[in-house]
């Protein structure tokens, strides 16, 4: 598959710094605006203070930091049906390998992702052919 379709890796050298900034923002320590600016410098993404309220209710700090740290994927306008199916299968496979405590959520997310992808493929290809 094309390089731009590969999932971007987390920059592990900056992960510790991102985790510290998340904690600072979430627990309203020190200068939050400065922490948000630093986070933007590291990730290139814009966040509001409220994005960090009670993040631990849906994931742990490590996973949240990885989610924030991963680079946004590029927009690929000329996906083929095969590439979209390949990406969907990889997403579904990765979601079903979740930790035991998250199995139910991961299965639900994988099923939802597969359904959305299938609907997208059907809609786009039926429109064009």
N, C-alpha and C. Protein backbone atom coordinates (compact mmCIF):
# COMPACT_ATOMS: atom_id res chain seq x y z
N UNK A 1 0.83 -1.19 0.00
CA UNK A 1 0.00 0.00 0.00
C UNK A 1 0.88 1.26 0.00
N UNK A 2 0.27 2.33 -0.38
CA UNK A 2 1.00 3.60 -0.45
C UNK A 2 1.42 4.08 0.93
N UNK A 3 2.54 4.77 0.97
CA UNK A 3 3.12 5.27 2.23
C UNK A 3 2.14 6.16 2.99
N UNK A 4 1.40 7.02 2.29
CA UNK A 4 0.50 7.95 2.97
C UNK A 4 -0.68 7.25 3.64
N UNK A 5 -0.89 5.98 3.34
CA UNK A 5 -1.98 5.23 3.98
C UNK A 5 -1.54 4.54 5.27
N UNK A 6 -0.25 4.52 5.52
CA UNK A 6 0.25 3.90 6.75
C UNK A 6 -0.13 4.75 7.96
N UNK A 7 -0.38 4.08 9.07
CA UNK A 7 -0.72 4.76 10.31
C UNK A 7 0.53 5.42 10.87
N UNK A 8 0.41 6.67 11.27
CA UNK A 8 1.56 7.39 11.82
C UNK A 8 1.90 6.89 13.22
N UNK A 9 3.17 6.81 13.49
CA UNK A 9 3.65 6.36 14.80
C UNK A 9 3.72 7.54 15.76
N UNK A 10 3.62 7.22 17.04
CA UNK A 10 3.73 8.23 18.09
C UNK A 10 5.20 8.56 18.29
N UNK A 11 5.51 9.84 18.43
CA UNK A 11 6.87 10.27 18.72
C UNK A 11 7.12 10.02 20.21
N UNK A 12 7.78 8.93 20.51
CA UNK A 12 7.96 8.51 21.91
C UNK A 12 8.87 9.44 22.70
N UNK A 13 9.71 10.18 22.01
CA UNK A 13 10.60 11.11 22.73
C UNK A 13 9.81 12.27 23.33
N UNK A 14 8.68 12.59 22.74
CA UNK A 14 7.88 13.70 23.24
C UNK A 14 6.69 13.24 24.09
N UNK A 15 6.50 11.95 24.19
CA UNK A 15 5.34 11.41 24.90
C UNK A 15 5.33 11.81 26.38
N UNK A 16 6.46 11.76 27.04
CA UNK A 16 6.55 12.13 28.46
C UNK A 16 6.14 13.60 28.64
N UNK A 17 6.64 14.45 27.77
CA UNK A 17 6.31 15.87 27.85
C UNK A 17 4.81 16.09 27.63
N UNK A 18 4.24 15.38 26.68
CA UNK A 18 2.80 15.49 26.41
C UNK A 18 2.00 15.03 27.63
N UNK A 19 2.41 13.93 28.25
CA UNK A 19 1.71 13.45 29.44
C UNK A 19 1.76 14.47 30.57
N UNK A 20 2.91 15.09 30.76
CA UNK A 20 3.04 16.11 31.80
C UNK A 20 2.13 17.31 31.52
N UNK A 21 2.06 17.71 30.26
CA UNK A 21 1.20 18.84 29.89
C UNK A 21 -0.28 18.49 30.08
N UNK A 22 -0.66 17.28 29.73
CA UNK A 22 -2.05 16.84 29.92
C UNK A 22 -2.42 16.92 31.40
N UNK A 23 -1.56 16.40 32.24
CA UNK A 23 -1.81 16.43 33.68
C UNK A 23 -1.90 17.86 34.20
N UNK A 24 -1.02 18.71 33.71
CA UNK A 24 -1.02 20.12 34.13
C UNK A 24 -2.34 20.78 33.75
N UNK A 25 -2.81 20.53 32.55
CA UNK A 25 -4.05 21.15 32.08
C UNK A 25 -5.26 20.54 32.79
N UNK A 26 -5.29 19.22 32.87
CA UNK A 26 -6.44 18.53 33.46
C UNK A 26 -6.63 18.86 34.94
N UNK A 27 -5.53 19.06 35.63
CA UNK A 27 -5.61 19.33 37.07
C UNK A 27 -5.43 20.81 37.40
N UNK A 28 -5.48 21.63 36.35
CA UNK A 28 -5.43 23.09 36.48
C UNK A 28 -4.24 23.56 37.31
N UNK A 29 -3.07 23.03 36.96
CA UNK A 29 -1.84 23.41 37.65
C UNK A 29 -1.11 24.46 36.81
N UNK A 30 -0.46 25.38 37.46
CA UNK A 30 0.40 26.37 36.81
C UNK A 30 -0.35 27.15 35.72
N UNK A 31 0.37 27.50 34.66
CA UNK A 31 -0.19 28.32 33.59
C UNK A 31 -0.77 27.42 32.49
N UNK A 32 -2.08 27.31 32.46
CA UNK A 32 -2.75 26.41 31.52
C UNK A 32 -2.62 26.91 30.08
N UNK A 33 -2.72 28.21 29.87
CA UNK A 33 -2.58 28.74 28.51
C UNK A 33 -1.20 28.43 27.93
N UNK A 34 -0.20 28.55 28.76
CA UNK A 34 1.16 28.24 28.32
C UNK A 34 1.28 26.74 28.00
N UNK A 35 0.68 25.91 28.82
CA UNK A 35 0.70 24.47 28.58
C UNK A 35 -0.01 24.12 27.28
N UNK A 36 -1.13 24.77 27.01
CA UNK A 36 -1.85 24.53 25.75
C UNK A 36 -1.01 24.96 24.55
N UNK A 37 -0.29 26.06 24.69
CA UNK A 37 0.60 26.53 23.61
C UNK A 37 1.73 25.53 23.37
N UNK A 38 2.32 25.02 24.44
CA UNK A 38 3.40 24.03 24.31
C UNK A 38 2.88 22.76 23.64
N UNK A 39 1.68 22.36 24.03
CA UNK A 39 1.07 21.17 23.45
C UNK A 39 0.85 21.37 21.95
N UNK A 40 0.41 22.56 21.57
CA UNK A 40 0.23 22.88 20.15
C UNK A 40 1.56 22.83 19.40
N UNK A 41 2.61 23.35 20.02
CA UNK A 41 3.94 23.32 19.40
C UNK A 41 4.40 21.88 19.13
N UNK A 42 4.12 21.01 20.07
CA UNK A 42 4.55 19.61 19.96
C UNK A 42 3.71 18.84 18.94
N UNK A 43 2.40 19.02 19.01
CA UNK A 43 1.49 18.18 18.21
C UNK A 43 0.99 18.83 16.93
N UNK A 44 1.00 20.15 16.90
CA UNK A 44 0.43 20.85 15.75
C UNK A 44 -1.09 20.90 15.78
N UNK A 45 -1.67 20.48 16.89
CA UNK A 45 -3.13 20.44 17.04
C UNK A 45 -3.58 21.49 18.04
N UNK A 46 -4.78 22.00 17.82
CA UNK A 46 -5.37 23.00 18.71
C UNK A 46 -6.29 22.30 19.72
N UNK A 47 -6.16 22.66 20.98
CA UNK A 47 -7.01 22.12 22.03
C UNK A 47 -7.50 23.24 22.92
N UNK A 48 -8.64 22.98 23.57
CA UNK A 48 -9.17 23.89 24.59
C UNK A 48 -8.96 23.21 25.94
N UNK A 49 -8.97 24.01 26.96
CA UNK A 49 -8.81 23.47 28.32
C UNK A 49 -9.86 22.40 28.60
N UNK A 50 -11.08 22.63 28.15
CA UNK A 50 -12.17 21.69 28.43
C UNK A 50 -11.98 20.32 27.77
N UNK A 51 -11.12 20.23 26.76
CA UNK A 51 -10.85 18.94 26.12
C UNK A 51 -10.18 17.95 27.07
N UNK A 52 -9.64 18.47 28.17
CA UNK A 52 -8.88 17.64 29.09
C UNK A 52 -9.61 17.33 30.39
N UNK A 53 -10.80 17.88 30.56
CA UNK A 53 -11.56 17.63 31.77
C UNK A 53 -11.95 16.16 31.83
N UNK A 54 -11.56 15.52 32.87
CA UNK A 54 -11.95 14.14 33.16
C UNK A 54 -11.69 13.17 32.02
N UNK A 55 -10.56 13.35 31.32
CA UNK A 55 -10.20 12.41 30.25
C UNK A 55 -10.12 10.99 30.78
N UNK A 56 -9.75 10.85 32.05
CA UNK A 56 -9.57 9.53 32.66
C UNK A 56 -10.88 8.75 32.73
N UNK A 57 -11.99 9.40 32.46
CA UNK A 57 -13.27 8.70 32.43
C UNK A 57 -13.42 7.81 31.21
N UNK A 58 -12.60 8.05 30.17
CA UNK A 58 -12.72 7.22 28.98
C UNK A 58 -11.41 6.57 28.54
N UNK A 59 -10.27 6.99 29.09
CA UNK A 59 -9.00 6.30 28.79
C UNK A 59 -7.94 6.73 29.79
N UNK A 60 -6.87 5.94 29.86
CA UNK A 60 -5.81 6.28 30.80
C UNK A 60 -4.87 7.32 30.18
N UNK A 61 -4.00 7.86 31.01
CA UNK A 61 -3.10 8.94 30.59
C UNK A 61 -2.22 8.53 29.42
N UNK A 62 -1.67 7.33 29.47
CA UNK A 62 -0.78 6.85 28.40
C UNK A 62 -1.50 6.84 27.05
N UNK A 63 -2.69 6.26 27.01
CA UNK A 63 -3.44 6.19 25.75
C UNK A 63 -3.88 7.57 25.27
N UNK A 64 -4.28 8.42 26.20
CA UNK A 64 -4.70 9.77 25.84
C UNK A 64 -3.52 10.56 25.26
N UNK A 65 -2.35 10.42 25.87
CA UNK A 65 -1.15 11.10 25.38
C UNK A 65 -0.77 10.59 23.99
N UNK A 66 -0.90 9.30 23.77
CA UNK A 66 -0.60 8.74 22.44
C UNK A 66 -1.59 9.27 21.40
N UNK A 67 -2.85 9.32 21.77
CA UNK A 67 -3.88 9.82 20.86
C UNK A 67 -3.59 11.27 20.45
N UNK A 68 -3.21 12.07 21.42
CA UNK A 68 -2.90 13.47 21.15
C UNK A 68 -1.61 13.60 20.36
N UNK A 69 -0.65 12.74 20.63
CA UNK A 69 0.68 12.85 20.02
C UNK A 69 0.77 12.38 18.58
N UNK A 70 -0.12 11.50 18.19
CA UNK A 70 -0.02 10.96 16.83
C UNK A 70 -0.35 12.04 15.80
N UNK A 71 0.43 12.05 14.76
CA UNK A 71 0.26 13.04 13.69
C UNK A 71 -1.05 12.78 12.95
N UNK A 72 -1.72 13.85 12.55
CA UNK A 72 -2.95 13.71 11.78
C UNK A 72 -2.63 13.08 10.43
N UNK A 73 -3.45 12.15 9.98
CA UNK A 73 -3.20 11.53 8.68
C UNK A 73 -3.51 12.52 7.55
N UNK A 74 -2.81 12.38 6.44
CA UNK A 74 -3.08 13.27 5.32
C UNK A 74 -4.41 12.91 4.64
N UNK A 75 -4.99 13.86 3.98
CA UNK A 75 -6.20 13.60 3.21
C UNK A 75 -5.78 12.97 1.89
N UNK A 76 -6.29 11.79 1.62
CA UNK A 76 -5.97 11.08 0.37
C UNK A 76 -7.26 11.00 -0.43
N UNK A 77 -7.33 11.76 -1.49
CA UNK A 77 -8.57 11.87 -2.26
C UNK A 77 -8.77 10.76 -3.29
N UNK A 78 -7.71 10.08 -3.66
CA UNK A 78 -7.83 9.09 -4.74
C UNK A 78 -7.72 7.65 -4.23
N UNK A 79 -8.36 7.37 -3.10
CA UNK A 79 -8.33 6.01 -2.56
C UNK A 79 -9.02 5.04 -3.51
N UNK A 80 -8.41 3.90 -3.66
CA UNK A 80 -9.06 2.85 -4.43
C UNK A 80 -9.92 2.02 -3.49
N UNK A 81 -10.80 1.25 -4.03
CA UNK A 81 -11.64 0.38 -3.22
C UNK A 81 -10.78 -0.60 -2.42
N UNK A 82 -9.74 -1.13 -3.05
CA UNK A 82 -8.85 -2.09 -2.40
C UNK A 82 -8.13 -1.45 -1.22
N UNK A 83 -7.66 -0.21 -1.40
CA UNK A 83 -6.96 0.48 -0.32
C UNK A 83 -7.90 0.77 0.85
N UNK A 84 -9.10 1.15 0.56
CA UNK A 84 -10.07 1.44 1.61
C UNK A 84 -10.43 0.15 2.37
N UNK A 85 -10.60 -0.93 1.66
CA UNK A 85 -10.88 -2.21 2.31
C UNK A 85 -9.70 -2.66 3.16
N UNK A 86 -8.49 -2.49 2.64
CA UNK A 86 -7.27 -2.87 3.37
C UNK A 86 -7.18 -2.08 4.67
N UNK A 87 -7.44 -0.77 4.58
CA UNK A 87 -7.36 0.09 5.77
C UNK A 87 -8.43 -0.29 6.78
N UNK A 88 -9.61 -0.57 6.30
CA UNK A 88 -10.71 -0.97 7.18
C UNK A 88 -10.39 -2.27 7.90
N UNK A 89 -9.81 -3.22 7.20
CA UNK A 89 -9.44 -4.50 7.82
C UNK A 89 -8.37 -4.30 8.89
N UNK A 90 -7.41 -3.43 8.62
CA UNK A 90 -6.36 -3.16 9.61
C UNK A 90 -6.94 -2.48 10.84
N UNK A 91 -7.86 -1.55 10.64
CA UNK A 91 -8.50 -0.88 11.76
C UNK A 91 -9.28 -1.88 12.60
N UNK A 92 -10.07 -2.69 11.95
CA UNK A 92 -10.87 -3.68 12.66
C UNK A 92 -9.99 -4.66 13.42
N UNK A 93 -8.91 -5.11 12.79
CA UNK A 93 -7.99 -6.05 13.45
C UNK A 93 -7.34 -5.42 14.67
N UNK A 94 -6.94 -4.17 14.56
CA UNK A 94 -6.28 -3.52 15.71
C UNK A 94 -7.26 -3.28 16.84
N UNK A 95 -8.50 -2.99 16.52
CA UNK A 95 -9.50 -2.74 17.55
C UNK A 95 -9.88 -4.02 18.29
N UNK A 96 -9.81 -5.15 17.63
CA UNK A 96 -10.19 -6.40 18.29
C UNK A 96 -9.06 -6.99 19.13
N UNK A 97 -7.87 -6.37 19.08
CA UNK A 97 -6.74 -6.83 19.91
C UNK A 97 -6.60 -6.00 21.17
N UNK A 98 -7.65 -5.36 21.60
CA UNK A 98 -7.61 -4.49 22.78
C UNK A 98 -7.37 -5.30 24.05
N UNK A 99 -6.96 -4.59 25.09
CA UNK A 99 -6.79 -5.22 26.40
C UNK A 99 -8.13 -5.78 26.88
N UNK A 100 -8.07 -6.80 27.68
CA UNK A 100 -9.28 -7.49 28.14
C UNK A 100 -10.30 -6.53 28.76
N UNK A 101 -9.83 -5.56 29.53
CA UNK A 101 -10.76 -4.65 30.20
C UNK A 101 -11.51 -3.74 29.23
N UNK A 102 -11.01 -3.61 28.02
CA UNK A 102 -11.64 -2.74 27.03
C UNK A 102 -12.27 -3.52 25.87
N UNK A 103 -12.33 -4.84 25.97
CA UNK A 103 -12.80 -5.68 24.86
C UNK A 103 -14.17 -5.26 24.35
N UNK A 104 -15.11 -5.03 25.24
CA UNK A 104 -16.48 -4.71 24.83
C UNK A 104 -16.51 -3.41 24.03
N UNK A 105 -15.84 -2.40 24.52
CA UNK A 105 -15.80 -1.11 23.83
C UNK A 105 -15.10 -1.25 22.49
N UNK A 106 -13.99 -1.98 22.46
CA UNK A 106 -13.22 -2.15 21.23
C UNK A 106 -14.02 -2.91 20.17
N UNK A 107 -14.72 -3.94 20.58
CA UNK A 107 -15.55 -4.68 19.62
C UNK A 107 -16.63 -3.79 19.04
N UNK A 108 -17.26 -3.00 19.90
CA UNK A 108 -18.29 -2.07 19.45
C UNK A 108 -17.71 -1.05 18.46
N UNK A 109 -16.55 -0.49 18.81
CA UNK A 109 -15.90 0.50 17.94
C UNK A 109 -15.48 -0.12 16.61
N UNK A 110 -14.95 -1.34 16.67
CA UNK A 110 -14.54 -2.02 15.45
C UNK A 110 -15.74 -2.29 14.54
N UNK A 111 -16.82 -2.74 15.13
CA UNK A 111 -18.03 -3.00 14.34
C UNK A 111 -18.56 -1.71 13.75
N UNK A 112 -18.59 -0.66 14.55
CA UNK A 112 -19.05 0.64 14.06
C UNK A 112 -18.17 1.16 12.94
N UNK A 113 -16.85 1.02 13.10
CA UNK A 113 -15.92 1.45 12.06
C UNK A 113 -16.10 0.67 10.78
N UNK A 114 -16.31 -0.63 10.90
CA UNK A 114 -16.51 -1.46 9.72
C UNK A 114 -17.80 -1.09 9.00
N UNK A 115 -18.85 -0.82 9.76
CA UNK A 115 -20.14 -0.44 9.16
C UNK A 115 -20.01 0.91 8.45
N UNK A 116 -19.39 1.88 9.12
CA UNK A 116 -19.22 3.20 8.50
C UNK A 116 -18.38 3.11 7.23
N UNK A 117 -17.31 2.32 7.28
CA UNK A 117 -16.45 2.17 6.12
C UNK A 117 -17.20 1.49 4.98
N UNK A 118 -17.95 0.45 5.30
CA UNK A 118 -18.72 -0.26 4.27
C UNK A 118 -19.76 0.68 3.64
N UNK A 119 -20.42 1.47 4.46
CA UNK A 119 -21.40 2.43 3.94
C UNK A 119 -20.74 3.46 3.04
N UNK A 120 -19.56 3.93 3.45
CA UNK A 120 -18.83 4.91 2.66
C UNK A 120 -18.43 4.31 1.31
N UNK A 121 -17.88 3.10 1.35
CA UNK A 121 -17.46 2.44 0.10
C UNK A 121 -18.66 2.29 -0.83
N UNK A 122 -19.75 1.80 -0.30
CA UNK A 122 -20.95 1.59 -1.10
C UNK A 122 -21.44 2.90 -1.70
N UNK A 123 -21.53 3.93 -0.88
CA UNK A 123 -22.04 5.22 -1.34
C UNK A 123 -21.13 5.84 -2.40
N UNK A 124 -19.82 5.85 -2.15
CA UNK A 124 -18.89 6.49 -3.08
C UNK A 124 -18.78 5.74 -4.40
N UNK A 125 -18.72 4.43 -4.34
CA UNK A 125 -18.54 3.68 -5.57
C UNK A 125 -19.83 3.56 -6.36
N UNK A 126 -20.95 3.54 -5.70
CA UNK A 126 -22.21 3.53 -6.44
C UNK A 126 -22.47 4.88 -7.09
N UNK A 127 -21.98 5.93 -6.47
CA UNK A 127 -22.14 7.27 -7.03
C UNK A 127 -21.28 7.45 -8.28
N UNK A 128 -20.11 6.84 -8.27
CA UNK A 128 -19.15 7.04 -9.36
C UNK A 128 -19.27 6.02 -10.50
N UNK A 129 -20.01 4.95 -10.29
CA UNK A 129 -20.08 3.91 -11.34
C UNK A 129 -21.49 3.60 -11.73
